[in-house]
């Protein structure tokens, strides 16, 4: 008699989470968020070193 190993089920939750994050990332990019974040980061850095 041979022992059968139980079939491993593929967990779906990680794939769903990755898909949701990719969708939200695409929405953010399409709304121009990266340029806004970089603009704010530049303003903060300039004010921290006393230039802005």
C-alpha atoms as a PDB file:
ATOM      1  CA  UNK A   1       0.000   0.000   0.000  1.00  0.00           C
ATOM      2  CA  UNK A   2       1.230   3.441  -0.832  1.00  0.00           C
ATOM      3  CA  UNK A   3       0.500   6.414   1.319  1.00  0.00           C
ATOM      4  CA  UNK A   4      -1.055   9.329  -0.453  1.00  0.00           C
ATOM      5  CA  UNK A   5       0.054  12.727   0.647  1.00  0.00           C
ATOM      6  CA  UNK A   6      -2.817  15.109   1.171  1.00  0.00           C
ATOM      7  CA  UNK A   7      -3.259  17.474  -1.731  1.00  0.00           C
ATOM      8  CA  UNK A   8      -2.051  20.940  -0.951  1.00  0.00           C
ATOM      9  CA  UNK A   9      -4.635  23.615  -1.501  1.00  0.00           C
ATOM     10  CA  UNK A  10      -3.535  26.858  -3.056  1.00  0.00           C
ATOM     11  CA  UNK A  11      -4.344  29.733  -0.757  1.00  0.00           C
ATOM     12  CA  UNK A  12      -6.244  32.435  -2.612  1.00  0.00           C
ATOM     13  CA  UNK A  13      -6.033  35.265  -0.064  1.00  0.00           C
ATOM     14  CA  UNK A  14      -2.440  36.328  -0.914  1.00  0.00           C
ATOM     15  CA  UNK A  15      -3.287  36.525  -4.609  1.00  0.00           C
ATOM     16  CA  UNK A  16      -6.412  38.565  -3.917  1.00  0.00           C
ATOM     17  CA  UNK A  17      -4.438  40.949  -1.687  1.00  0.00           C
ATOM     18  CA  UNK A  18      -1.702  41.406  -4.304  1.00  0.00           C
ATOM     19  CA  UNK A  19      -4.317  42.050  -6.981  1.00  0.00           C
ATOM     20  CA  UNK A  20      -6.062  44.677  -4.824  1.00  0.00           C
ATOM     21  CA  UNK A  21      -2.763  46.446  -4.094  1.00  0.00           C
ATOM     22  CA  UNK A  22      -1.894  46.472  -7.796  1.00  0.00           C
ATOM     23  CA  UNK A  23      -5.288  47.962  -8.665  1.00  0.00           C
ATOM     24  CA  UNK A  24      -4.929  50.679  -6.022  1.00  0.00           C
ATOM     25  CA  UNK A  25      -1.369  51.356  -7.195  1.00  0.00           C
ATOM     26  CA  UNK A  26      -2.533  51.767 -10.783  1.00  0.00           C
ATOM     27  CA  UNK A  27      -5.301  54.127  -9.674  1.00  0.00           C
ATOM     28  CA  UNK A  28      -2.827  56.225  -7.685  1.00  0.00           C
ATOM     29  CA  UNK A  29      -0.405  56.424 -10.599  1.00  0.00           C
ATOM     30  CA  UNK A  30      -3.182  57.439 -12.985  1.00  0.00           C
ATOM     31  CA  UNK A  31      -4.197  60.250 -10.603  1.00  0.00           C
ATOM     32  CA  UNK A  32      -0.650  61.641 -10.502  1.00  0.00           C
ATOM     33  CA  UNK A  33       0.195  60.743  -6.923  1.00  0.00           C
ATOM     34  CA  UNK A  34       3.910  59.989  -7.483  1.00  0.00           C
ATOM     35  CA  UNK A  35       4.634  63.530  -8.685  1.00  0.00           C
ATOM     36  CA  UNK A  36       2.664  64.992  -5.782  1.00  0.00           C
ATOM     37  CA  UNK A  37       4.571  62.884  -3.256  1.00  0.00           C
ATOM     38  CA  UNK A  38       7.932  63.884  -4.763  1.00  0.00           C
ATOM     39  CA  UNK A  39       6.911  67.548  -4.752  1.00  0.00           C
ATOM     40  CA  UNK A  40       5.970  67.396  -1.073  1.00  0.00           C
ATOM     41  CA  UNK A  41       9.158  65.508  -0.205  1.00  0.00           C
ATOM     42  CA  UNK A  42      11.250  68.182  -1.921  1.00  0.00           C
ATOM     43  CA  UNK A  43       9.464  70.947  -0.021  1.00  0.00           C
ATOM     44  CA  UNK A  44       9.954  69.173   3.299  1.00  0.00           C
ATOM     45  CA  UNK A  45      13.644  68.525   2.642  1.00  0.00           C
ATOM     46  CA  UNK A  46      14.306  72.110   1.591  1.00  0.00           C
ATOM     47  CA  UNK A  47      12.577  73.460   4.684  1.00  0.00           C
ATOM     48  CA  UNK A  48      14.508  71.049   6.924  1.00  0.00           C
ATOM     49  CA  UNK A  49      17.888  72.290   5.721  1.00  0.00           C
ATOM     50  CA  UNK A  50      16.810  75.935   5.859  1.00  0.00           C
ATOM     51  CA  UNK A  51      16.644  76.756   2.150  1.00  0.00           C
ATOM     52  CA  UNK A  52      12.909  76.873   1.600  1.00  0.00           C
END
